[in-house]
Amino acid sequence: MAITKTKKPAPSKKQTPVKKTNNRTDHESAPKDTAIKPFDVSLEDLFKSDLKDMLWAENHLVAAIPKMIDAAKTPELKKALNSHLKETIQQVTRLKTVFEQLDLPAIPKKCDAMEGLTLSGEHTIDNTYPGTAGRETGIINSGIKVEQFEITSYNGLIKMAGKLGYHDAVEIFKQNLQEEMAASEKLNALNDSSSK
């Protein structure tokens, strides 16, 4: 009589324990009334939100740049900052024109990124001695950071406005963008010359 082997049952797969976070398992959903809903906005809504951000940012710079001018030592840096302050005032006026073209109230929305950049600049001024190379370089670097943020923001506004068919707004944003790029180049040139 042949002996037949009976198959052993396959070992049961161990269930991987489910991580718990905030007294809920990852696969459990929060109660519907407290669930976080995705932020779903149209391109139009995103454009308007970014436009309001930019208005706040430029207005904020109109107040922040004079502090940088007062803290700067060299006539070259003071001149570059004064020149850009005048441009920034014009940029605010241009942005308000876009609001008028779109029949929107020109109500700014706080731009946390710009506030952070200017606070960083103020921190640099507060923590360096007047008239030192450290303060001068810190002011220049803070200005460059601000310009890079503005360049990125205007590029984004240009792309969105183009997709939405706001061609007049595109031209206005391009003017502001050119000024931001020129200001960045001036600050970078000052940074290069101050390090020699």
C-alpha atoms as a PDB file:
ATOM      1  CA  MET A   1       0.000   0.000   0.000  1.00  0.00           C
ATOM      2  CA  ALA A   2       1.440   3.306  -1.063  1.00  0.00           C
ATOM      3  CA  ILE A   3       1.776   6.023   1.435  1.00  0.00           C
ATOM      4  CA  THR A   4       0.447   9.327   0.225  1.00  0.00           C
ATOM      5  CA  LYS A   5       1.605  12.532   1.767  1.00  0.00           C
ATOM      6  CA  THR A   6      -1.087  14.919   2.693  1.00  0.00           C
ATOM      7  CA  LYS A   7      -0.348  18.493   1.872  1.00  0.00           C
ATOM      8  CA  LYS A   8       0.200  20.663   4.804  1.00  0.00           C
ATOM      9  CA  PRO A   9      -1.945  23.734   4.727  1.00  0.00           C
ATOM     10  CA  ALA A  10      -0.023  26.741   3.445  1.00  0.00           C
ATOM     11  CA  PRO A  11       1.226  28.872   6.255  1.00  0.00           C
ATOM     12  CA  SER A  12      -1.153  31.708   6.852  1.00  0.00           C
ATOM     13  CA  LYS A  13       0.142  35.056   5.767  1.00  0.00           C
ATOM     14  CA  LYS A  14       0.742  37.243   8.718  1.00  0.00           C
ATOM     15  CA  GLN A  15      -1.192  40.422   8.523  1.00  0.00           C
ATOM     16  CA  THR A  16       0.969  43.451   8.685  1.00  0.00           C
ATOM     17  CA  PRO A  17      -0.146  45.530  11.599  1.00  0.00           C
ATOM     18  CA  VAL A  18      -1.850  48.721  10.557  1.00  0.00           C
ATOM     19  CA  LYS A  19      -0.190  51.847  11.848  1.00  0.00           C
ATOM     20  CA  LYS A  20      -2.318  53.949  14.091  1.00  0.00           C
ATOM     21  CA  THR A  21      -2.246  57.694  13.891  1.00  0.00           C
ATOM     22  CA  ASN A  22      -4.391  59.997  15.969  1.00  0.00           C
ATOM     23  CA  ASN A  23      -6.355  57.029  17.358  1.00  0.00           C
ATOM     24  CA  ARG A  24      -7.427  56.030  13.831  1.00  0.00           C
ATOM     25  CA  THR A  25      -5.954  53.425  11.581  1.00  0.00           C
ATOM     26  CA  ASP A  26      -4.567  54.668   8.267  1.00  0.00           C
ATOM     27  CA  HIS A  27      -7.276  52.896   6.296  1.00  0.00           C
ATOM     28  CA  GLU A  28     -10.096  54.301   8.363  1.00  0.00           C
ATOM     29  CA  SER A  29     -11.562  57.547   7.238  1.00  0.00           C
ATOM     30  CA  ALA A  30     -12.343  60.392   9.548  1.00  0.00           C
ATOM     31  CA  PRO A  31     -15.954  61.177  10.266  1.00  0.00           C
ATOM     32  CA  LYS A  32     -17.418  63.061   7.345  1.00  0.00           C
ATOM     33  CA  ASP A  33     -17.982  66.258   9.315  1.00  0.00           C
ATOM     34  CA  THR A  34     -14.298  66.523  10.310  1.00  0.00           C
ATOM     35  CA  ALA A  35     -12.637  65.110   7.185  1.00  0.00           C
ATOM     36  CA  ILE A  36     -10.170  67.370   5.416  1.00  0.00           C
ATOM     37  CA  LYS A  37     -11.413  67.992   1.936  1.00  0.00           C
ATOM     38  CA  PRO A  38      -9.031  68.456  -0.966  1.00  0.00           C
ATOM     39  CA  PHE A  39      -8.399  72.025  -2.020  1.00  0.00           C
ATOM     40  CA  ASP A  40     -10.114  72.041  -5.399  1.00  0.00           C
ATOM     41  CA  VAL A  41     -10.067  75.339  -7.237  1.00  0.00           C
ATOM     42  CA  SER A  42     -10.305  76.266 -10.858  1.00  0.00           C
ATOM     43  CA  LEU A  43      -7.415  77.822 -12.770  1.00  0.00           C
ATOM     44  CA  GLU A  44      -9.362  81.089 -12.642  1.00  0.00           C
ATOM     45  CA  ASP A  45      -9.594  80.899  -8.833  1.00  0.00           C
ATOM     46  CA  LEU A  46      -5.904  80.062  -8.501  1.00  0.00           C
ATOM     47  CA  PHE A  47      -4.977  82.948 -10.793  1.00  0.00           C
ATOM     48  CA  LYS A  48      -7.069  85.429  -8.790  1.00  0.00           C
ATOM     49  CA  SER A  49      -5.612  84.148  -5.521  1.00  0.00           C
ATOM     50  CA  ASP A  50      -2.037  84.512  -6.802  1.00  0.00           C
ATOM     51  CA  LEU A  51      -2.843  87.969  -8.161  1.00  0.00           C
ATOM     52  CA  LYS A  52      -4.076  89.052  -4.715  1.00  0.00           C
ATOM     53  CA  ASP A  53      -0.936  87.524  -3.161  1.00  0.00           C
ATOM     54  CA  MET A  54       1.250  89.523  -5.522  1.00  0.00           C
ATOM     55  CA  LEU A  55      -0.571  92.764  -4.742  1.00  0.00           C
ATOM     56  CA  TRP A  56       0.055  92.182  -1.040  1.00  0.00           C
ATOM     57  CA  ALA A  57       3.692  91.263  -1.702  1.00  0.00           C
ATOM     58  CA  GLU A  58       4.416  94.399  -3.735  1.00  0.00           C
ATOM     59  CA  ASN A  59       2.626  96.649  -1.216  1.00  0.00           C
ATOM     60  CA  HIS A  60       4.623  95.005   1.557  1.00  0.00           C
ATOM     61  CA  LEU A  61       7.858  95.727  -0.291  1.00  0.00           C
ATOM     62  CA  VAL A  62       6.943  99.393  -0.644  1.00  0.00           C
ATOM     63  CA  ALA A  63       7.104  99.473   3.179  1.00  0.00           C
ATOM     64  CA  ALA A  64      10.121  97.132   3.544  1.00  0.00           C
ATOM     65  CA  ILE A  65      12.565  98.562   0.988  1.00  0.00           C
ATOM     66  CA  PRO A  66      13.018 101.916   2.826  1.00  0.00           C
ATOM     67  CA  LYS A  67      14.273  99.950   5.868  1.00  0.00           C
ATOM     68  CA  MET A  68      16.866  98.297   3.648  1.00  0.00           C
ATOM     69  CA  ILE A  69      17.867 101.672   2.203  1.00  0.00           C
ATOM     70  CA  ASP A  70      18.350 103.111   5.711  1.00  0.00           C
ATOM     71  CA  ALA A  71      20.469 100.117   6.753  1.00  0.00           C
ATOM     72  CA  ALA A  72      22.631 100.066   3.587  1.00  0.00           C
ATOM     73  CA  LYS A  73      26.067 101.666   3.677  1.00  0.00           C
ATOM     74  CA  THR A  74      27.330 102.038   0.118  1.00  0.00           C
ATOM     75  CA  PRO A  75      25.902 104.639  -2.245  1.00  0.00           C
ATOM     76  CA  GLU A  76      25.658 101.958  -4.975  1.00  0.00           C
ATOM     77  CA  LEU A  77      23.372  99.747  -2.897  1.00  0.00           C
ATOM     78  CA  LYS A  78      21.301 102.703  -1.699  1.00  0.00           C
ATOM     79  CA  LYS A  79      20.887 103.826  -5.321  1.00  0.00           C
ATOM     80  CA  ALA A  80      19.863 100.346  -6.521  1.00  0.00           C
ATOM     81  CA  LEU A  81      17.304 100.010  -3.714  1.00  0.00           C
ATOM     82  CA  ASN A  82      15.900 103.514  -4.268  1.00  0.00           C
ATOM     83  CA  SER A  83      15.523 102.796  -7.968  1.00  0.00           C
ATOM     84  CA  HIS A  84      13.723  99.535  -7.277  1.00  0.00           C
ATOM     85  CA  LEU A  85      11.454 101.188  -4.717  1.00  0.00           C
ATOM     86  CA  LYS A  86      10.204 103.532  -7.460  1.00  0.00           C
ATOM     87  CA  GLU A  87       9.681 100.544  -9.756  1.00  0.00           C
ATOM     88  CA  THR A  88       7.820  98.653  -7.021  1.00  0.00           C
ATOM     89  CA  ILE A  89       5.399 101.564  -6.573  1.00  0.00           C
ATOM     90  CA  GLN A  90       4.748 101.433 -10.337  1.00  0.00           C
ATOM     91  CA  GLN A  91       4.294  97.661 -10.152  1.00  0.00           C
ATOM     92  CA  VAL A  92       1.547  98.104  -7.548  1.00  0.00           C
ATOM     93  CA  THR A  93      -0.188 100.565  -9.896  1.00  0.00           C
ATOM     94  CA  ARG A  94       0.085  98.094 -12.786  1.00  0.00           C
ATOM     95  CA  LEU A  95      -1.331  95.264 -10.693  1.00  0.00           C
ATOM     96  CA  LYS A  96      -4.291  97.447  -9.761  1.00  0.00           C
ATOM     97  CA  THR A  97      -4.841  97.985 -13.501  1.00  0.00           C
ATOM     98  CA  VAL A  98      -5.142  94.203 -13.920  1.00  0.00           C
ATOM     99  CA  PHE A  99      -7.771  94.128 -11.174  1.00  0.00           C
ATOM    100  CA  GLU A 100      -9.688  96.882 -12.995  1.00  0.00           C
ATOM    101  CA  GLN A 101      -9.441  95.012 -16.314  1.00  0.00           C
ATOM    102  CA  LEU A 102     -10.894  91.900 -14.668  1.00  0.00           C
ATOM    103  CA  ASP A 103     -13.542  93.928 -12.851  1.00  0.00           C
ATOM    104  CA  LEU A 104     -12.251  92.711  -9.478  1.00  0.00           C
ATOM    105  CA  PRO A 105     -11.806  94.701  -6.272  1.00  0.00           C
ATOM    106  CA  ALA A 106      -8.070  95.210  -5.662  1.00  0.00           C
ATOM    107  CA  ILE A 107      -8.072  93.487  -2.283  1.00  0.00           C
ATOM    108  CA  PRO A 108      -4.686  92.003  -1.372  1.00  0.00           C
ATOM    109  CA  LYS A 109      -4.356  88.577   0.253  1.00  0.00           C
ATOM    110  CA  LYS A 110      -1.492  88.134   2.706  1.00  0.00           C
ATOM    111  CA  CYS A 111       1.496  86.502   1.048  1.00  0.00           C
ATOM    112  CA  ASP A 112       3.187  84.409   3.741  1.00  0.00           C
ATOM    113  CA  ALA A 113       6.209  83.759   1.528  1.00  0.00           C
ATOM    114  CA  MET A 114       6.941  87.468   1.080  1.00  0.00           C
ATOM    115  CA  GLU A 115       6.392  88.156   4.741  1.00  0.00           C
ATOM    116  CA  GLY A 116       8.904  85.434   5.578  1.00  0.00           C
ATOM    117  CA  LEU A 117      11.478  86.788   3.138  1.00  0.00           C
ATOM    118  CA  THR A 118      11.226  90.334   4.476  1.00  0.00           C
ATOM    119  CA  LEU A 119      11.345  89.109   8.096  1.00  0.00           C
ATOM    120  CA  SER A 120      14.524  87.246   7.211  1.00  0.00           C
ATOM    121  CA  GLY A 121      15.955  90.487   5.801  1.00  0.00           C
ATOM    122  CA  GLU A 122      15.014  92.393   8.944  1.00  0.00           C
ATOM    123  CA  HIS A 123      16.619  89.664  11.041  1.00  0.00           C
ATOM    124  CA  THR A 124      19.830  90.091   9.045  1.00  0.00           C
ATOM    125  CA  ILE A 125      19.818  93.847   9.675  1.00  0.00           C
ATOM    126  CA  ASP A 126      19.059  93.372  13.383  1.00  0.00           C
ATOM    127  CA  ASN A 127      21.923  90.908  13.808  1.00  0.00           C
ATOM    128  CA  THR A 128      24.723  92.694  11.969  1.00  0.00           C
ATOM    129  CA  TYR A 129      26.673  95.812  12.843  1.00  0.00           C
ATOM    130  CA  PRO A 130      25.940  99.016  10.904  1.00  0.00           C
ATOM    131  CA  GLY A 131      28.387  99.794   8.135  1.00  0.00           C
ATOM    132  CA  THR A 132      29.930  96.308   8.041  1.00  0.00           C
ATOM    133  CA  ALA A 133      30.488  94.122   4.995  1.00  0.00           C
ATOM    134  CA  GLY A 134      28.361  91.488   6.708  1.00  0.00           C
ATOM    135  CA  ARG A 135      25.334  93.758   6.859  1.00  0.00           C
ATOM    136  CA  GLU A 136      25.849  94.990   3.296  1.00  0.00           C
ATOM    137  CA  THR A 137      26.110  91.445   1.944  1.00  0.00           C
ATOM    138  CA  GLY A 138      23.129  90.369   4.046  1.00  0.00           C
ATOM    139  CA  ILE A 139      20.964  93.159   2.612  1.00  0.00           C
ATOM    140  CA  ILE A 140      22.023  92.276  -0.943  1.00  0.00           C
ATOM    141  CA  ASN A 141      21.337  88.566  -0.404  1.00  0.00           C
ATOM    142  CA  SER A 142      17.939  89.312   1.139  1.00  0.00           C
ATOM    143  CA  GLY A 143      17.096  91.461  -1.869  1.00  0.00           C
ATOM    144  CA  ILE A 144      18.146  88.699  -4.270  1.00  0.00           C
ATOM    145  CA  LYS A 145      15.907  86.194  -2.453  1.00  0.00           C
ATOM    146  CA  VAL A 146      12.957  88.573  -2.780  1.00  0.00           C
ATOM    147  CA  GLU A 147      13.648  89.142  -6.475  1.00  0.00           C
ATOM    148  CA  GLN A 148      13.841  85.407  -7.172  1.00  0.00           C
ATOM    149  CA  PHE A 149      10.474  84.887  -5.480  1.00  0.00           C
ATOM    150  CA  GLU A 150       8.941  87.703  -7.529  1.00  0.00           C
ATOM    151  CA  ILE A 151      10.439  86.398 -10.776  1.00  0.00           C
ATOM    152  CA  THR A 152       8.943  82.962 -10.105  1.00  0.00           C
ATOM    153  CA  SER A 153       5.581  84.477  -9.146  1.00  0.00           C
ATOM    154  CA  TYR A 154       5.330  86.677 -12.233  1.00  0.00           C
ATOM    155  CA  ASN A 155       6.302  83.782 -14.489  1.00  0.00           C
ATOM    156  CA  GLY A 156       3.458  81.777 -12.943  1.00  0.00           C
ATOM    157  CA  LEU A 157       0.980  84.633 -13.371  1.00  0.00           C
ATOM    158  CA  ILE A 158       2.031  85.062 -17.012  1.00  0.00           C
ATOM    159  CA  LYS A 159       1.421  81.385 -17.758  1.00  0.00           C
ATOM    160  CA  MET A 160      -1.971  81.332 -16.015  1.00  0.00           C
ATOM    161  CA  ALA A 161      -3.126  84.602 -17.580  1.00  0.00           C
ATOM    162  CA  GLY A 162      -2.108  83.287 -21.006  1.00  0.00           C
ATOM    163  CA  LYS A 163      -4.103  80.080 -20.526  1.00  0.00           C
ATOM    164  CA  LEU A 164      -7.116  82.118 -19.400  1.00  0.00           C
ATOM    165  CA  GLY A 165      -6.872  84.492 -22.363  1.00  0.00           C
ATOM    166  CA  TYR A 166      -6.014  87.588 -20.300  1.00  0.00           C
ATOM    167  CA  HIS A 167      -3.514  88.928 -22.836  1.00  0.00           C
ATOM    168  CA  ASP A 168      -3.474  92.503 -21.492  1.00  0.00           C
ATOM    169  CA  ALA A 169      -2.611  91.150 -18.051  1.00  0.00           C
ATOM    170  CA  VAL A 170       0.195  89.067 -19.575  1.00  0.00           C
ATOM    171  CA  GLU A 171       1.793  92.248 -20.973  1.00  0.00           C
ATOM    172  CA  ILE A 172       1.539  93.997 -17.607  1.00  0.00           C
ATOM    173  CA  PHE A 173       3.073  91.045 -15.780  1.00  0.00           C
ATOM    174  CA  LYS A 174       5.886  90.942 -18.340  1.00  0.00           C
ATOM    175  CA  GLN A 175       6.739  94.598 -17.570  1.00  0.00           C
ATOM    176  CA  ASN A 176       6.926  93.829 -13.849  1.00  0.00           C
ATOM    177  CA  LEU A 177       8.924  90.671 -14.541  1.00  0.00           C
ATOM    178  CA  GLN A 178      11.516  92.564 -16.616  1.00  0.00           C
ATOM    179  CA  GLU A 179      12.027  95.030 -13.760  1.00  0.00           C
ATOM    180  CA  GLU A 180      12.418  92.218 -11.224  1.00  0.00           C
ATOM    181  CA  MET A 181      14.986  90.485 -13.435  1.00  0.00           C
ATOM    182  CA  ALA A 182      16.930  93.729 -13.906  1.00  0.00           C
ATOM    183  CA  ALA A 183      16.873  94.390 -10.143  1.00  0.00           C
ATOM    184  CA  SER A 184      18.154  90.865  -9.482  1.00  0.00           C
ATOM    185  CA  GLU A 185      21.003  91.393 -11.969  1.00  0.00           C
ATOM    186  CA  LYS A 186      21.975  94.693 -10.293  1.00  0.00           C
ATOM    187  CA  LEU A 187      22.009  93.092  -6.845  1.00  0.00           C
ATOM    188  CA  ASN A 188      24.036  90.133  -8.091  1.00  0.00           C
ATOM    189  CA  ALA A 189      26.541  92.521  -9.698  1.00  0.00           C
ATOM    190  CA  LEU A 190      26.835  94.430  -6.398  1.00  0.00           C
ATOM    191  CA  ASN A 191      27.340  91.147  -4.573  1.00  0.00           C
ATOM    192  CA  ASP A 192      30.111  90.179  -6.980  1.00  0.00           C
ATOM    193  CA  SER A 193      31.867  93.534  -6.680  1.00  0.00           C
ATOM    194  CA  SER A 194      31.606  93.618  -2.887  1.00  0.00           C
ATOM    195  CA  SER A 195      33.287  90.214  -2.573  1.00  0.00           C
ATOM    196  CA  LYS A 196      36.440  91.329  -4.458  1.00  0.00           C
END
